[in-house]
C-alpha atoms as a PDB file:
ATOM      1  CA  UNK A   1      -7.746  19.282  -3.596  1.00  0.00           C
ATOM      2  CA  UNK A   2      -9.012  21.394  -6.489  1.00  0.00           C
ATOM      3  CA  UNK A   3     -11.355  20.184  -9.210  1.00  0.00           C
ATOM      4  CA  UNK A   4     -11.920  16.951  -7.353  1.00  0.00           C
ATOM      5  CA  UNK A   5     -14.175  14.261  -8.756  1.00  0.00           C
ATOM      6  CA  UNK A   6     -15.572  12.203  -5.897  1.00  0.00           C
ATOM      7  CA  UNK A   7     -17.193   8.808  -6.361  1.00  0.00           C
ATOM      8  CA  UNK A   8     -18.565   6.721  -3.519  1.00  0.00           C
ATOM      9  CA  UNK A   9     -19.902   3.236  -3.135  1.00  0.00           C
ATOM     10  CA  UNK A  10     -23.496   2.796  -2.018  1.00  0.00           C
ATOM     11  CA  UNK A  11     -22.276   2.319   1.532  1.00  0.00           C
ATOM     12  CA  UNK A  12     -19.633   5.088   1.218  1.00  0.00           C
ATOM     13  CA  UNK A  13     -17.232   2.529   2.693  1.00  0.00           C
ATOM     14  CA  UNK A  14     -14.352   3.710   0.463  1.00  0.00           C
ATOM     15  CA  UNK A  15     -14.151   7.288  -0.778  1.00  0.00           C
ATOM     16  CA  UNK A  16     -12.433   7.887  -4.106  1.00  0.00           C
ATOM     17  CA  UNK A  17     -11.066  11.290  -5.117  1.00  0.00           C
ATOM     18  CA  UNK A  18      -9.339  11.799  -8.462  1.00  0.00           C
ATOM     19  CA  UNK A  19      -7.384  14.983  -9.062  1.00  0.00           C
ATOM     20  CA  UNK A  20      -5.021  15.419 -11.981  1.00  0.00           C
ATOM     21  CA  UNK A  21      -3.678  11.877 -12.048  1.00  0.00           C
ATOM     22  CA  UNK A  22      -3.626  11.436  -8.275  1.00  0.00           C
ATOM     23  CA  UNK A  23      -6.153   8.988  -6.838  1.00  0.00           C
ATOM     24  CA  UNK A  24      -6.881   9.176  -3.111  1.00  0.00           C
ATOM     25  CA  UNK A  25      -8.709   6.183  -1.632  1.00  0.00           C
ATOM     26  CA  UNK A  26     -10.002   6.740   1.892  1.00  0.00           C
ATOM     27  CA  UNK A  27     -11.245   3.961   4.158  1.00  0.00           C
ATOM     28  CA  UNK A  28     -14.507   5.360   5.452  1.00  0.00           C
ATOM     29  CA  UNK A  29     -15.909   3.170   8.203  1.00  0.00           C
ATOM     30  CA  UNK A  30     -14.482   4.807  11.343  1.00  0.00           C
ATOM     31  CA  UNK A  31     -17.284   3.452  13.554  1.00  0.00           C
ATOM     32  CA  UNK A  32     -15.930  -0.032  12.843  1.00  0.00           C
ATOM     33  CA  UNK A  33     -12.311   1.112  13.083  1.00  0.00           C
ATOM     34  CA  UNK A  34     -12.022   0.792   9.300  1.00  0.00           C
ATOM     35  CA  UNK A  35     -11.964  -2.988   9.635  1.00  0.00           C
ATOM     36  CA  UNK A  36     -11.145  -4.865   6.448  1.00  0.00           C
ATOM     37  CA  UNK A  37     -14.563  -6.445   6.154  1.00  0.00           C
ATOM     38  CA  UNK A  38     -15.594  -8.407   3.098  1.00  0.00           C
ATOM     39  CA  UNK A  39     -17.252  -5.284   1.662  1.00  0.00           C
ATOM     40  CA  UNK A  40     -14.209  -3.106   2.377  1.00  0.00           C
ATOM     41  CA  UNK A  41     -11.888  -5.602   0.689  1.00  0.00           C
ATOM     42  CA  UNK A  42     -14.207  -5.854  -2.316  1.00  0.00           C
ATOM     43  CA  UNK A  43     -14.394  -2.080  -2.774  1.00  0.00           C
ATOM     44  CA  UNK A  44     -10.642  -1.617  -2.402  1.00  0.00           C
ATOM     45  CA  UNK A  45      -9.981  -4.395  -4.925  1.00  0.00           C
ATOM     46  CA  UNK A  46     -12.385  -2.774  -7.399  1.00  0.00           C
ATOM     47  CA  UNK A  47     -10.683   0.592  -6.984  1.00  0.00           C
ATOM     48  CA  UNK A  48      -7.180  -0.850  -7.373  1.00  0.00           C
ATOM     49  CA  UNK A  49      -8.176  -2.868 -10.449  1.00  0.00           C
ATOM     50  CA  UNK A  50      -9.814   0.180 -12.031  1.00  0.00           C
ATOM     51  CA  UNK A  51      -6.809   2.379 -11.247  1.00  0.00           C
ATOM     52  CA  UNK A  52      -4.447  -0.174 -12.757  1.00  0.00           C
ATOM     53  CA  UNK A  53      -6.360  -0.115 -16.036  1.00  0.00           C
ATOM     54  CA  UNK A  54      -6.767   3.679 -16.176  1.00  0.00           C
ATOM     55  CA  UNK A  55      -4.289   5.885 -18.015  1.00  0.00           C
ATOM     56  CA  UNK A  56      -5.675   8.821 -16.019  1.00  0.00           C
ATOM     57  CA  UNK A  57      -4.332   7.479 -12.705  1.00  0.00           C
ATOM     58  CA  UNK A  58      -0.619   8.041 -12.132  1.00  0.00           C
ATOM     59  CA  UNK A  59      -0.263   7.582  -8.363  1.00  0.00           C
ATOM     60  CA  UNK A  60      -2.472   6.313  -5.513  1.00  0.00           C
ATOM     61  CA  UNK A  61      -2.735   7.319  -1.861  1.00  0.00           C
ATOM     62  CA  UNK A  62      -4.505   5.011   0.605  1.00  0.00           C
ATOM     63  CA  UNK A  63      -5.712   6.888   3.683  1.00  0.00           C
ATOM     64  CA  UNK A  64      -8.452   6.530   6.300  1.00  0.00           C
ATOM     65  CA  UNK A  65     -10.997   8.583   8.214  1.00  0.00           C
ATOM     66  CA  UNK A  66     -11.116   8.533  11.986  1.00  0.00           C
ATOM     67  CA  UNK A  67      -8.626   7.706  14.744  1.00  0.00           C
ATOM     68  CA  UNK A  68      -7.755   4.244  13.355  1.00  0.00           C
ATOM     69  CA  UNK A  69      -6.150   3.650   9.958  1.00  0.00           C
ATOM     70  CA  UNK A  70      -7.429   0.071  10.046  1.00  0.00           C
ATOM     71  CA  UNK A  71      -7.875  -2.466  12.827  1.00  0.00           C
ATOM     72  CA  UNK A  72      -7.436  -5.377  10.434  1.00  0.00           C
ATOM     73  CA  UNK A  73      -9.926  -8.130   9.655  1.00  0.00           C
ATOM     74  CA  UNK A  74     -13.503  -7.733  10.885  1.00  0.00           C
ATOM     75  CA  UNK A  75     -13.365 -10.274  13.707  1.00  0.00           C
ATOM     76  CA  UNK A  76     -17.097  -9.990  14.426  1.00  0.00           C
ATOM     77  CA  UNK A  77     -17.850 -10.827  10.790  1.00  0.00           C
ATOM     78  CA  UNK A  78     -15.443 -13.758  10.847  1.00  0.00           C
ATOM     79  CA  UNK A  79     -16.803 -15.096  14.135  1.00  0.00           C
ATOM     80  CA  UNK A  80     -20.388 -14.993  12.852  1.00  0.00           C
ATOM     81  CA  UNK A  81     -19.495 -17.910  10.567  1.00  0.00           C
ATOM     82  CA  UNK A  82     -18.422 -20.226  13.388  1.00  0.00           C
ATOM     83  CA  UNK A  83     -21.916 -21.702  13.181  1.00  0.00           C
ATOM     84  CA  UNK A  84     -21.489 -22.677   9.524  1.00  0.00           C
ATOM     85  CA  UNK A  85     -21.560 -26.424   8.855  1.00  0.00           C
ATOM     86  CA  UNK A  86     -17.796 -26.437   8.338  1.00  0.00           C
ATOM     87  CA  UNK A  87     -17.139 -24.292  11.413  1.00  0.00           C
ATOM     88  CA  UNK A  88     -16.352 -21.325   9.185  1.00  0.00           C
ATOM     89  CA  UNK A  89     -13.402 -22.819   7.306  1.00  0.00           C
ATOM     90  CA  UNK A  90     -14.860 -22.082   3.867  1.00  0.00           C
ATOM     91  CA  UNK A  91     -15.675 -18.481   4.730  1.00  0.00           C
ATOM     92  CA  UNK A  92     -12.313 -17.927   6.436  1.00  0.00           C
ATOM     93  CA  UNK A  93     -10.550 -19.292   3.349  1.00  0.00           C
ATOM     94  CA  UNK A  94     -12.503 -16.947   1.084  1.00  0.00           C
ATOM     95  CA  UNK A  95     -11.904 -13.778   3.119  1.00  0.00           C
ATOM     96  CA  UNK A  96      -8.229 -14.432   3.880  1.00  0.00           C
ATOM     97  CA  UNK A  97      -7.676 -15.226   0.195  1.00  0.00           C
ATOM     98  CA  UNK A  98      -9.534 -12.060  -0.793  1.00  0.00           C
ATOM     99  CA  UNK A  99      -7.293 -10.009   1.492  1.00  0.00           C
ATOM    100  CA  UNK A 100      -4.111 -11.631   0.194  1.00  0.00           C
ATOM    101  CA  UNK A 101      -5.209 -10.982  -3.387  1.00  0.00           C
ATOM    102  CA  UNK A 102      -5.708  -7.288  -2.607  1.00  0.00           C
ATOM    103  CA  UNK A 103      -2.244  -6.994  -1.053  1.00  0.00           C
ATOM    104  CA  UNK A 104      -0.627  -8.682  -4.063  1.00  0.00           C
ATOM    105  CA  UNK A 105      -2.559  -6.411  -6.411  1.00  0.00           C
ATOM    106  CA  UNK A 106      -1.082  -3.374  -4.666  1.00  0.00           C
ATOM    107  CA  UNK A 107       2.447  -4.787  -4.848  1.00  0.00           C
ATOM    108  CA  UNK A 108       2.067  -5.730  -8.530  1.00  0.00           C
ATOM    109  CA  UNK A 109       0.229  -2.547  -9.572  1.00  0.00           C
ATOM    110  CA  UNK A 110       2.501  -0.786 -12.088  1.00  0.00           C
ATOM    111  CA  UNK A 111       1.934   2.558 -10.360  1.00  0.00           C
ATOM    112  CA  UNK A 112       3.241   3.924  -7.054  1.00  0.00           C
ATOM    113  CA  UNK A 113       0.994   3.476  -4.017  1.00  0.00           C
ATOM    114  CA  UNK A 114       1.532   5.482  -0.814  1.00  0.00           C
ATOM    115  CA  UNK A 115      -0.047   4.650   2.547  1.00  0.00           C
ATOM    116  CA  UNK A 116      -1.025   7.695   4.613  1.00  0.00           C
ATOM    117  CA  UNK A 117      -1.245   6.378   8.181  1.00  0.00           C
ATOM    118  CA  UNK A 118      -2.840   8.344  10.972  1.00  0.00           C
ATOM    119  CA  UNK A 119      -3.717   6.504  14.205  1.00  0.00           C
ATOM    120  CA  UNK A 120      -3.460   2.744  14.595  1.00  0.00           C
ATOM    121  CA  UNK A 121      -2.560   0.305  11.804  1.00  0.00           C
ATOM    122  CA  UNK A 122      -3.184  -3.134  13.284  1.00  0.00           C
ATOM    123  CA  UNK A 123      -2.889  -6.703  11.946  1.00  0.00           C
ATOM    124  CA  UNK A 124      -4.227  -6.741   8.370  1.00  0.00           C
ATOM    125  CA  UNK A 125      -4.383  -2.931   8.602  1.00  0.00           C
ATOM    126  CA  UNK A 126      -0.621  -2.937   9.072  1.00  0.00           C
ATOM    127  CA  UNK A 127      -0.442  -5.471   6.232  1.00  0.00           C
ATOM    128  CA  UNK A 128      -2.247  -2.984   3.993  1.00  0.00           C
ATOM    129  CA  UNK A 129       0.203  -0.203   4.854  1.00  0.00           C
ATOM    130  CA  UNK A 130       3.250  -2.473   4.492  1.00  0.00           C
ATOM    131  CA  UNK A 131       2.039  -3.659   1.076  1.00  0.00           C
ATOM    132  CA  UNK A 132       2.186  -0.101  -0.261  1.00  0.00           C
ATOM    133  CA  UNK A 133       5.375   1.173  -1.873  1.00  0.00           C
ATOM    134  CA  UNK A 134       5.887   3.897   0.715  1.00  0.00           C
ATOM    135  CA  UNK A 135       4.402   4.766   4.105  1.00  0.00           C
ATOM    136  CA  UNK A 136       3.902   8.303   5.372  1.00  0.00           C
ATOM    137  CA  UNK A 137       3.040   8.326   9.079  1.00  0.00           C
ATOM    138  CA  UNK A 138       1.604  10.942  11.382  1.00  0.00           C
ATOM    139  CA  UNK A 139       3.466  11.363  14.637  1.00  0.00           C
ATOM    140  CA  UNK A 140       0.408   9.838  16.349  1.00  0.00           C
ATOM    141  CA  UNK A 141       0.538   6.702  14.189  1.00  0.00           C
ATOM    142  CA  UNK A 142       0.894   3.329  15.898  1.00  0.00           C
ATOM    143  CA  UNK A 143       1.595  -0.100  14.454  1.00  0.00           C
ATOM    144  CA  UNK A 144       1.005  -3.624  15.738  1.00  0.00           C
ATOM    145  CA  UNK A 145       0.439  -7.256  14.799  1.00  0.00           C
ATOM    146  CA  UNK A 146      -1.534  -8.297  17.897  1.00  0.00           C
ATOM    147  CA  UNK A 147      -2.901 -11.641  16.734  1.00  0.00           C
ATOM    148  CA  UNK A 148      -0.818 -13.559  19.276  1.00  0.00           C
ATOM    149  CA  UNK A 149      -2.837 -11.820  22.026  1.00  0.00           C
ATOM    150  CA  UNK A 150      -6.037 -13.530  20.863  1.00  0.00           C
ATOM    151  CA  UNK A 151      -4.555 -16.851  19.774  1.00  0.00           C
ATOM    152  CA  UNK A 152      -4.504 -15.924  16.093  1.00  0.00           C
ATOM    153  CA  UNK A 153      -0.929 -15.373  14.885  1.00  0.00           C
ATOM    154  CA  UNK A 154      -0.687 -12.661  12.213  1.00  0.00           C
ATOM    155  CA  UNK A 155       0.606 -15.053   9.564  1.00  0.00           C
ATOM    156  CA  UNK A 156      -0.611 -13.219   6.462  1.00  0.00           C
ATOM    157  CA  UNK A 157       0.370  -9.757   7.770  1.00  0.00           C
ATOM    158  CA  UNK A 158       3.769 -11.353   8.405  1.00  0.00           C
ATOM    159  CA  UNK A 159       4.258 -11.811   4.647  1.00  0.00           C
ATOM    160  CA  UNK A 160       4.092  -8.071   4.013  1.00  0.00           C
ATOM    161  CA  UNK A 161       5.886  -7.141   7.237  1.00  0.00           C
ATOM    162  CA  UNK A 162       8.921  -9.360   6.678  1.00  0.00           C
ATOM    163  CA  UNK A 163       9.472  -7.906   3.216  1.00  0.00           C
ATOM    164  CA  UNK A 164      10.056  -4.409   4.601  1.00  0.00           C
ATOM    165  CA  UNK A 165      11.309  -4.969   8.184  1.00  0.00           C
ATOM    166  CA  UNK A 166      14.419  -6.726   9.451  1.00  0.00           C
ATOM    167  CA  UNK A 167      13.685 -10.246  10.816  1.00  0.00           C
ATOM    168  CA  UNK A 168      14.476  -9.451  14.474  1.00  0.00           C
ATOM    169  CA  UNK A 169      12.153  -6.449  14.505  1.00  0.00           C
ATOM    170  CA  UNK A 170       9.444  -8.381  12.677  1.00  0.00           C
ATOM    171  CA  UNK A 171       9.639 -11.232  15.175  1.00  0.00           C
ATOM    172  CA  UNK A 172       9.397  -8.815  18.094  1.00  0.00           C
ATOM    173  CA  UNK A 173       6.254  -7.294  16.632  1.00  0.00           C
ATOM    174  CA  UNK A 174       4.721 -10.662  15.753  1.00  0.00           C
ATOM    175  CA  UNK A 175       5.659 -12.524  18.946  1.00  0.00           C
ATOM    176  CA  UNK A 176       4.778  -9.799  21.479  1.00  0.00           C
ATOM    177  CA  UNK A 177       1.739  -8.233  19.822  1.00  0.00           C
ATOM    178  CA  UNK A 178       2.855  -4.939  21.347  1.00  0.00           C
ATOM    179  CA  UNK A 179       1.914  -1.541  19.915  1.00  0.00           C
ATOM    180  CA  UNK A 180       4.880   0.325  18.421  1.00  0.00           C
ATOM    181  CA  UNK A 181       5.203   4.055  17.874  1.00  0.00           C
ATOM    182  CA  UNK A 182       5.759   5.820  14.565  1.00  0.00           C
ATOM    183  CA  UNK A 183       9.370   6.382  15.674  1.00  0.00           C
ATOM    184  CA  UNK A 184       9.808   2.636  16.246  1.00  0.00           C
ATOM    185  CA  UNK A 185       8.245   1.869  12.875  1.00  0.00           C
ATOM    186  CA  UNK A 186      10.621   4.332  11.208  1.00  0.00           C
ATOM    187  CA  UNK A 187      13.584   2.719  12.971  1.00  0.00           C
ATOM    188  CA  UNK A 188      12.370  -0.723  11.882  1.00  0.00           C
ATOM    189  CA  UNK A 189      12.104   0.369   8.235  1.00  0.00           C
ATOM    190  CA  UNK A 190       8.306   0.143   8.045  1.00  0.00           C
ATOM    191  CA  UNK A 191       7.809   3.907   7.661  1.00  0.00           C
ATOM    192  CA  UNK A 192       9.457   6.322   5.227  1.00  0.00           C
ATOM    193  CA  UNK A 193       8.712   9.594   6.987  1.00  0.00           C
ATOM    194  CA  UNK A 194       7.054  10.900  10.147  1.00  0.00           C
ATOM    195  CA  UNK A 195       5.287  14.255   9.977  1.00  0.00           C
ATOM    196  CA  UNK A 196       3.053  16.259  12.339  1.00  0.00           C
ATOM    197  CA  UNK A 197      -0.535  15.072  12.258  1.00  0.00           C
ATOM    198  CA  UNK A 198      -1.877  18.317  10.810  1.00  0.00           C
ATOM    199  CA  UNK A 199       0.634  18.155   7.936  1.00  0.00           C
ATOM    200  CA  UNK A 200       0.211  14.491   6.990  1.00  0.00           C
ATOM    201  CA  UNK A 201      -2.134  14.822   4.015  1.00  0.00           C
ATOM    202  CA  UNK A 202      -0.197  17.757   2.600  1.00  0.00           C
ATOM    203  CA  UNK A 203       3.150  15.956   2.962  1.00  0.00           C
ATOM    204  CA  UNK A 204       1.781  12.744   1.430  1.00  0.00           C
ATOM    205  CA  UNK A 205       0.342  14.594  -1.534  1.00  0.00           C
ATOM    206  CA  UNK A 206       3.636  16.459  -1.981  1.00  0.00           C
ATOM    207  CA  UNK A 207       5.451  13.120  -2.200  1.00  0.00           C
ATOM    208  CA  UNK A 208       2.848  11.775  -4.633  1.00  0.00           C
ATOM    209  CA  UNK A 209       3.187  14.836  -6.863  1.00  0.00           C
ATOM    210  CA  UNK A 210       6.965  14.442  -6.832  1.00  0.00           C
ATOM    211  CA  UNK A 211       6.629  10.840  -8.030  1.00  0.00           C
ATOM    212  CA  UNK A 212       4.200  11.961 -10.709  1.00  0.00           C
ATOM    213  CA  UNK A 213       6.777  14.475 -12.000  1.00  0.00           C
ATOM    214  CA  UNK A 214       9.212  11.629 -12.729  1.00  0.00           C
ATOM    215  CA  UNK A 215       9.058   9.224 -15.648  1.00  0.00           C
ATOM    216  CA  UNK A 216       6.062   7.097 -14.735  1.00  0.00           C
ATOM    217  CA  UNK A 217       7.131   4.536 -17.309  1.00  0.00           C
ATOM    218  CA  UNK A 218      10.487   4.186 -15.539  1.00  0.00           C
ATOM    219  CA  UNK A 219       8.763   3.884 -12.141  1.00  0.00           C
ATOM    220  CA  UNK A 220       6.429   1.227 -13.521  1.00  0.00           C
ATOM    221  CA  UNK A 221       9.370  -0.748 -14.923  1.00  0.00           C
ATOM    222  CA  UNK A 222      11.307  -0.318 -11.688  1.00  0.00           C
ATOM    223  CA  UNK A 223       8.452  -1.375  -9.438  1.00  0.00           C
ATOM    224  CA  UNK A 224       8.005  -4.636 -11.324  1.00  0.00           C
ATOM    225  CA  UNK A 225      11.745  -5.287 -11.330  1.00  0.00           C
ATOM    226  CA  UNK A 226      12.040  -4.502  -7.615  1.00  0.00           C
ATOM    227  CA  UNK A 227       9.442  -7.134  -6.728  1.00  0.00           C
ATOM    228  CA  UNK A 228      10.884  -9.712  -9.119  1.00  0.00           C
ATOM    229  CA  UNK A 229      14.536  -9.433  -8.068  1.00  0.00           C
ATOM    230  CA  UNK A 230      13.709  -9.766  -4.365  1.00  0.00           C
ATOM    231  CA  UNK A 231      12.699 -13.385  -4.999  1.00  0.00           C
ATOM    232  CA  UNK A 232      15.922 -14.273  -6.820  1.00  0.00           C
ATOM    233  CA  UNK A 233      19.453 -15.243  -5.853  1.00  0.00           C
ATOM    234  CA  UNK A 234      22.141 -12.591  -6.414  1.00  0.00           C
ATOM    235  CA  UNK A 235      23.288 -13.894  -9.802  1.00  0.00           C
ATOM    236  CA  UNK A 236      19.740 -14.412 -11.083  1.00  0.00           C
ATOM    237  CA  UNK A 237      18.724 -10.984  -9.774  1.00  0.00           C
ATOM    238  CA  UNK A 238      21.516  -9.367 -11.786  1.00  0.00           C
ATOM    239  CA  UNK A 239      20.632 -11.416 -14.866  1.00  0.00           C
ATOM    240  CA  UNK A 240      17.008 -10.345 -14.584  1.00  0.00           C
ATOM    241  CA  UNK A 241      17.791  -6.677 -13.975  1.00  0.00           C
ATOM    242  CA  UNK A 242      20.407  -6.613 -16.750  1.00  0.00           C
ATOM    243  CA  UNK A 243      17.639  -7.451 -19.210  1.00  0.00           C
ATOM    244  CA  UNK A 244      15.235  -4.993 -17.591  1.00  0.00           C
ATOM    245  CA  UNK A 245      17.784  -2.186 -17.857  1.00  0.00           C
ATOM    246  CA  UNK A 246      18.633  -2.925 -21.498  1.00  0.00           C
ATOM    247  CA  UNK A 247      14.926  -2.992 -22.357  1.00  0.00           C
ATOM    248  CA  UNK A 248      14.479   0.245 -20.387  1.00  0.00           C
ATOM    249  CA  UNK A 249      17.297   1.899 -22.364  1.00  0.00           C
ATOM    250  CA  UNK A 250      15.323   1.166 -25.524  1.00  0.00           C
ATOM    251  CA  UNK A 251      12.318   2.982 -24.050  1.00  0.00           C
ATOM    252  CA  UNK A 252      11.202   6.384 -25.327  1.00  0.00           C
ATOM    253  CA  UNK A 253      11.344   7.975 -21.875  1.00  0.00           C
ATOM    254  CA  UNK A 254      14.948   6.844 -21.349  1.00  0.00           C
ATOM    255  CA  UNK A 255      15.935   8.334 -24.704  1.00  0.00           C
ATOM    256  CA  UNK A 256      14.187  11.592 -23.793  1.00  0.00           C
ATOM    257  CA  UNK A 257      15.523  11.700 -20.231  1.00  0.00           C
ATOM    258  CA  UNK A 258      19.140  11.070 -21.187  1.00  0.00           C
ATOM    259  CA  UNK A 259      18.877  13.596 -24.009  1.00  0.00           C
ATOM    260  CA  UNK A 260      17.411  16.196 -21.667  1.00  0.00           C
ATOM    261  CA  UNK A 261      20.179  15.583 -19.124  1.00  0.00           C
ATOM    262  CA  UNK A 262      22.903  15.991 -21.738  1.00  0.00           C
ATOM    263  CA  UNK A 263      21.205  19.082 -23.170  1.00  0.00           C
ATOM    264  CA  UNK A 264      20.634  20.531 -19.668  1.00  0.00           C
ATOM    265  CA  UNK A 265      16.869  20.975 -20.095  1.00  0.00           C
ATOM    266  CA  UNK A 266      13.786  19.584 -18.316  1.00  0.00           C
ATOM    267  CA  UNK A 267      12.594  16.261 -19.770  1.00  0.00           C
ATOM    268  CA  UNK A 268       9.283  15.993 -21.592  1.00  0.00           C
ATOM    269  CA  UNK A 269       7.973  12.593 -20.550  1.00  0.00           C
ATOM    270  CA  UNK A 270       5.731  10.601 -22.837  1.00  0.00           C
ATOM    271  CA  UNK A 271       2.049  11.350 -22.246  1.00  0.00           C
ATOM    272  CA  UNK A 272       2.676  14.653 -20.445  1.00  0.00           C
END
């Protein structure tokens, strides 16, 4: 990336690079398999919240350093609270809630978020990828929800997984705990594209730049509507999206885009 501004936390646990509207967040704790520890979740939440409020950020990529995208929750950290007076229940509730809040923030963020997955995305690490709007996977990428193997069913990862994968495939992943290839994940609908490992970052950035060339206002409207209509019955989904589309037609970007199409010229989106 050219003219990159890089900002790091004190622990360098998440790297943040901002280049011309594109924000790249990189999980940076490869020695701990980029586990979603309390600190990692806190830093990611801060970055997502800041990006959501910034007019300078148009699109976000979530990537990771090392051979593992993310192994999920930090089980050593969780287990260390078994000796708490309540057996760890209070701490477990806090961390699982913190993780769920992060995932919802990504889904509700009015800007596109792309997961760039190289290596293994496991349990809550898979949840993180599945919560993003799109997933670009290296050919070496692997995906699993292995909680059943240790007596801890991946219930919260299931929420994200079942919103992007057909039920039968989701149940196979959740019930077996097996590791699935990038090709399997693509077949299941979890992954958008598979690219050679040495081309992953370039291909992900190319997709991000393409999204940034579109009407970001339209994408923001569409992302919110997509999430909302999924929760509704068919008739209520149409009623909701009818209103969204009418409101969208009143938008400056829609006026510009339709005019540009009819005049056979490139659109000049608001704010560009």
